[in-house]
Each structure stands twice: as structure tokens, then as C-alpha cells.
Protein backbone atom coordinates (compact mmCIF):
# COMPACT_ATOMS: atom_id res chain seq x y z
CA MET A 1 -76.28 -72.11 -28.28
CA HIS A 2 -74.80 -71.03 -24.99
CA ARG A 3 -72.88 -68.23 -26.71
CA TYR A 4 -75.99 -66.84 -28.37
CA ARG A 5 -77.85 -66.97 -25.08
CA PHE A 6 -75.02 -65.01 -23.45
CA VAL A 7 -75.14 -62.37 -26.20
CA LEU A 8 -78.90 -62.02 -25.88
CA THR A 9 -79.05 -61.91 -22.10
CA ARG A 10 -76.04 -59.66 -21.57
CA PRO A 11 -77.81 -56.43 -22.64
CA LEU A 12 -80.67 -57.26 -20.28
CA GLN A 13 -78.23 -57.14 -17.38
CA LEU A 14 -77.64 -53.47 -18.15
CA ILE A 15 -81.19 -52.60 -17.10
CA PRO A 16 -80.63 -52.96 -13.32
CA VAL A 17 -77.23 -51.29 -13.69
CA LEU A 18 -78.74 -48.27 -15.44
CA PHE A 19 -81.55 -48.19 -12.89
CA GLY A 20 -79.00 -48.14 -10.06
CA ILE A 21 -76.97 -45.39 -11.76
CA SER A 22 -80.08 -43.25 -12.23
CA LEU A 23 -81.09 -43.77 -8.59
CA VAL A 24 -77.65 -42.88 -7.22
CA THR A 25 -77.39 -39.85 -9.52
CA PHE A 26 -80.83 -38.62 -8.49
CA ILE A 27 -80.08 -39.01 -4.77
CA LEU A 28 -76.68 -37.31 -5.03
CA THR A 29 -78.26 -34.42 -6.94
CA HIS A 30 -80.79 -33.90 -4.17
CA MET A 31 -78.02 -33.99 -1.55
CA ILE A 32 -76.33 -30.94 -3.09
CA PRO A 33 -76.89 -27.91 -0.82
CA GLY A 34 -79.08 -25.15 -2.19
CA ASP A 35 -82.46 -24.73 -3.81
CA PRO A 36 -82.62 -25.15 -7.61
CA ALA A 37 -85.45 -22.62 -7.74
CA ARG A 38 -83.32 -19.94 -6.09
CA ILE A 39 -80.44 -20.68 -8.46
CA LEU A 40 -82.77 -20.51 -11.46
CA LEU A 41 -84.41 -17.24 -10.39
CA GLY A 42 -81.29 -15.51 -9.10
CA ILE A 43 -81.98 -12.02 -7.78
CA ARG A 44 -85.66 -12.39 -8.70
CA ALA A 45 -86.11 -15.15 -6.11
CA THR A 46 -89.20 -14.15 -4.18
CA ALA A 47 -91.30 -16.49 -2.06
CA GLU A 48 -94.09 -16.52 -4.65
CA ALA A 49 -91.72 -17.15 -7.54
CA ILE A 50 -89.96 -19.96 -5.68
CA ALA A 51 -93.29 -21.61 -4.87
CA ALA A 52 -94.33 -21.33 -8.53
CA ILE A 53 -91.08 -22.97 -9.70
CA HIS A 54 -91.48 -25.76 -7.15
CA GLU A 55 -95.01 -26.44 -8.38
CA LYS A 56 -94.03 -26.24 -12.06
CA PHE A 57 -91.15 -28.72 -11.81
CA GLY A 58 -92.65 -30.92 -9.08
CA LEU A 59 -90.07 -29.92 -6.48
CA ASP A 60 -92.79 -29.68 -3.85
CA LYS A 61 -93.55 -33.39 -4.22
CA PRO A 62 -91.91 -36.16 -2.12
CA VAL A 63 -88.57 -37.44 -3.33
CA PHE A 64 -89.86 -40.80 -4.56
CA VAL A 65 -92.56 -39.03 -6.58
CA GLN A 66 -89.92 -36.76 -8.11
CA TYR A 67 -87.86 -39.82 -9.01
CA PHE A 68 -90.89 -41.39 -10.70
CA TYR A 69 -91.36 -38.22 -12.75
CA PHE A 70 -87.66 -38.26 -13.55
CA LEU A 71 -87.82 -41.84 -14.89
CA ALA A 72 -90.99 -41.13 -16.87
CA ASN A 73 -89.43 -38.11 -18.55
CA LEU A 74 -86.19 -40.02 -19.12
CA LEU A 75 -87.99 -42.83 -20.94
CA GLN A 76 -89.64 -40.21 -23.17
CA GLY A 77 -86.28 -38.67 -24.07
CA ASP A 78 -86.81 -35.58 -21.92
CA PHE A 79 -83.66 -34.97 -19.87
CA GLY A 80 -84.88 -31.67 -18.50
CA ARG A 81 -83.27 -28.24 -18.69
CA SER A 82 -79.87 -27.24 -17.40
CA ILE A 83 -79.98 -24.62 -14.66
CA ILE A 84 -76.49 -23.38 -15.50
CA TYR A 85 -76.80 -23.20 -19.30
CA ARG A 86 -80.57 -22.54 -19.31
CA ALA A 87 -81.02 -24.94 -22.22
CA PRO A 88 -82.23 -28.52 -22.72
CA VAL A 89 -79.81 -31.01 -21.20
CA LEU A 90 -79.88 -33.27 -24.26
CA GLY A 91 -78.78 -30.40 -26.49
CA VAL A 92 -75.99 -29.40 -24.09
CA VAL A 93 -74.71 -33.00 -24.00
CA ALA A 94 -75.01 -33.44 -27.78
CA GLU A 95 -72.87 -30.36 -28.41
CA ARG A 96 -70.08 -31.87 -26.33
CA ILE A 97 -70.11 -35.44 -27.66
CA LEU A 98 -67.86 -34.74 -30.66
CA PRO A 99 -65.16 -32.88 -28.64
CA THR A 100 -65.24 -35.65 -26.03
CA LEU A 101 -64.85 -38.40 -28.63
CA SER A 102 -62.06 -36.45 -30.31
CA LEU A 103 -60.30 -36.11 -26.96
CA ILE A 104 -60.57 -39.84 -26.30
CA LEU A 105 -59.36 -40.86 -29.77
CA LEU A 106 -56.39 -38.49 -29.66
CA ALA A 107 -55.46 -39.68 -26.17
CA VAL A 108 -55.65 -43.32 -27.29
CA ALA A 109 -53.49 -42.58 -30.34
CA ILE A 110 -50.83 -40.78 -28.31
CA SER A 111 -50.84 -43.48 -25.64
CA ALA A 112 -50.53 -46.29 -28.21
CA ILE A 113 -47.67 -44.65 -30.10
CA LEU A 114 -45.77 -43.66 -26.96
CA SER A 115 -46.24 -47.06 -25.34
CA ALA A 116 -45.21 -48.99 -28.44
CA ILE A 117 -42.00 -46.97 -28.87
CA LEU A 118 -40.92 -47.08 -25.23
CA ALA A 119 -41.85 -50.75 -24.78
CA SER A 120 -39.84 -51.70 -27.88
CA ILE A 121 -36.80 -49.80 -26.63
CA ALA A 122 -37.09 -51.36 -23.17
CA ALA A 123 -37.47 -54.88 -24.57
CA THR A 124 -34.52 -54.62 -26.96
CA ARG A 125 -32.26 -53.12 -24.27
CA ARG A 126 -33.28 -55.34 -21.39
CA GLY A 127 -31.40 -54.49 -18.22
CA GLY A 128 -29.72 -51.47 -19.78
CA VAL A 129 -29.91 -47.80 -18.90
CA ALA A 130 -32.78 -47.15 -21.30
CA ASP A 131 -34.76 -50.06 -19.90
CA GLN A 132 -34.27 -48.86 -16.33
CA ALA A 133 -35.19 -45.28 -17.24
CA ILE A 134 -38.38 -46.39 -18.98
CA ARG A 135 -39.34 -48.58 -16.03
CA VAL A 136 -38.80 -45.64 -13.67
CA PHE A 137 -40.91 -43.46 -15.97
CA ALA A 138 -43.71 -46.05 -15.91
CA THR A 139 -43.57 -46.32 -12.12
CA ILE A 140 -43.69 -42.56 -11.64
CA GLY A 141 -46.49 -42.23 -14.19
CA LEU A 142 -48.69 -44.58 -12.19
CA GLY A 143 -48.51 -42.28 -9.17
CA LEU A 144 -49.02 -38.91 -10.86
CA PRO A 145 -52.58 -37.54 -10.54
CA ALA A 146 -53.99 -36.54 -13.92
CA PHE A 147 -55.47 -33.27 -12.63
CA TRP A 148 -52.10 -32.20 -11.19
CA LEU A 149 -50.25 -33.12 -14.37
CA GLY A 150 -52.77 -31.19 -16.44
CA ILE A 151 -52.31 -28.08 -14.30
CA VAL A 152 -48.52 -28.36 -14.64
CA PHE A 153 -48.81 -28.67 -18.44
CA ILE A 154 -51.05 -25.59 -18.58
CA MET A 155 -48.63 -23.56 -16.47
CA ILE A 156 -45.60 -24.58 -18.55
CA PHE A 157 -46.81 -24.93 -22.14
CA SER A 158 -49.81 -22.57 -22.13
CA LEU A 159 -49.12 -19.77 -19.66
CA GLY A 160 -45.32 -20.00 -19.69
CA LEU A 161 -44.38 -20.77 -23.29
CA GLY A 162 -47.68 -19.92 -24.99
CA LEU A 163 -47.53 -22.97 -27.26
CA PHE A 164 -51.03 -24.26 -26.58
CA PRO A 165 -54.31 -22.60 -25.60
CA VAL A 166 -55.55 -22.88 -22.05
CA SER A 167 -59.08 -23.99 -22.97
CA GLY A 168 -61.54 -24.16 -25.83
CA TYR A 169 -61.99 -26.38 -28.87
CA GLY A 170 -61.19 -24.21 -31.88
CA GLU A 171 -62.89 -23.88 -35.25
CA THR A 172 -60.70 -25.75 -37.76
CA PRO A 173 -59.34 -29.33 -37.53
CA PHE A 174 -55.85 -27.97 -36.84
CA GLU A 175 -57.19 -25.82 -34.01
CA HIS A 176 -59.08 -28.82 -32.64
CA VAL A 177 -55.87 -30.83 -32.40
CA LYS A 178 -54.00 -27.87 -30.91
CA HIS A 179 -56.63 -27.34 -28.23
CA LEU A 180 -56.96 -31.03 -27.39
CA PHE A 181 -53.27 -31.96 -27.42
CA LEU A 182 -52.44 -31.07 -23.81
CA PRO A 183 -55.48 -32.78 -22.24
CA SER A 184 -54.96 -35.78 -24.53
CA LEU A 185 -51.30 -35.97 -23.53
CA THR A 186 -52.32 -35.82 -19.88
CA LEU A 187 -54.70 -38.75 -20.32
CA ALA A 188 -52.18 -40.65 -22.41
CA LEU A 189 -49.44 -40.35 -19.80
CA GLY A 190 -51.85 -41.76 -17.23
CA ALA A 191 -52.63 -44.84 -19.34
CA SER A 192 -49.19 -45.39 -20.88
CA PRO A 193 -47.41 -46.98 -17.86
CA ILE A 194 -49.73 -49.99 -17.84
CA LEU A 195 -49.46 -50.40 -21.62
CA ILE A 196 -45.68 -50.05 -21.52
CA ARG A 197 -45.34 -52.81 -18.94
CA SER A 198 -47.70 -55.11 -20.82
CA LEU A 199 -46.09 -54.53 -24.22
CA ARG A 200 -42.59 -54.86 -22.77
CA SER A 201 -43.42 -58.23 -21.22
CA SER A 202 -45.09 -59.44 -24.43
CA ALA A 203 -42.12 -58.36 -26.56
CA MET A 204 -39.64 -60.07 -24.26
CA LEU A 205 -41.64 -63.30 -24.28
CA ARG A 206 -41.83 -63.21 -28.07
CA ARG A 207 -38.10 -62.66 -28.38
CA GLN A 208 -37.44 -65.58 -26.07
CA SER A 209 -39.80 -67.87 -27.98
CA GLN A 210 -38.20 -66.93 -31.31
CA ALA A 211 -34.64 -67.40 -30.06
CA PRO A 212 -32.98 -70.46 -31.66
CA ILE A 213 -32.41 -73.42 -29.39
CA ARG A 214 -28.74 -74.26 -29.21
CA PRO A 215 -27.97 -77.99 -29.36
CA ARG A 216 -26.24 -79.40 -26.36
CA ARG A 217 -22.71 -80.62 -26.87
CA ALA A 218 -22.27 -84.31 -26.48
CA GLY A 219 -19.98 -84.99 -23.59
CA PRO A 220 -17.94 -88.08 -22.83
CA ASP A 221 -19.89 -91.00 -21.43
CA ARG A 222 -19.34 -91.62 -17.80
């Protein structure tokens, strides 16, 4: 009964978390310098036009009133319009869900394969050169920033060798994989060091538990 109660009450705990995330996001958005009306109007930003935009979107109201409007629209499924893309936010996000999921799945696959291979080699050659090299690789990988590694990969494999595109998503499944390989590899190299250490330790413990126990030789009684 306690387990079912935990399963039922756990989703309810997400409500204050989501409320806090929405509040922090709303406050940080308002702390960004600049006027959204001026950005939306561009060179047509006159005093009358700015005032009309403020009145239309409620930007002339106090901040807590704007947040109330924001929550009311959010509960109705209205995420507003993007100033940059000049389109509904929900549509902009929906167009990018599939590429994002593809990026995550490819990164997980690369990280799992790379970690399994290197951890197996390190566990079977414990204390050897390969084990030491893999441990050094894992230690260095923990300290490499992902954004820096991604820039290096773009400079070498995209701009230098021309093997992969700099950006984009492609049209066919092959192009999708080709466009997502470098960013997926960047994410995978960031997550692999932790997986390598964990898998290496698990493999070594399993090998030790499966090792036959040698019987002790009976010595002379003293």
C-alpha cells in the first residue's frame, strides 16, 4: 500500500517544482535588458506603436499581473509567440522535438558502445598499459568542457577535413545521422568517463566473484 501511495503522490510533488520553474523563468526573462516591443517592431518602433504593443500584450501591467496572465495562458496551452521567429512558441518547440530526441538517442548509443568497449578492455587488462591509458582518458574527459570540445570537432572535422556539416539537420535519415554525429559524439564523450569507471568496477567485481577458490594446502600440524 505504501508503494502505491508513493506512486500516486509523486506526480503531485511536480506541481510546486513546475510552479517554481515557471516563476524563475518569468523573472529571468524580465531581467533581460531591452524592450520586447522595440525588438518586435524593429525600425518601426515609434512611441505610439510601442505603447500599442505594451497594451496588447499586457506589458504595461505590473509584473505580478503579467505573471498571472502568463500562468492563465499556459494552462490553456497558449505559450505565446516567439519574438525571434515570429511564430507560436508551441509550434517552434514542436518542430525541434524530433531532432532533439534523435540527438539524445544517438549520444546515448555512442556513449554506451564506447563505454562498454573501453571498460571491458580496462577490466581484462587491469594494471596494464591499456588500463592506464583508458583511466587517463576518463580523467581528462571529466574536465573537458562540452562546448569547447564541440568547437574543436567543428574546426577539425567540419571546417578542416569537410567530413561533417557545421550545422543543420538534413532531409534523409542518412543526412540526419551525418548532421547529428559530431554533437552526439561531443555529448557522449562527456558522459562516457563516468560510465567507463562504473562498468570497469562492475566487471572487475564480477571477475573476482567468478574466480574459482583455490583450496588451501594442508600443512603439518604444529
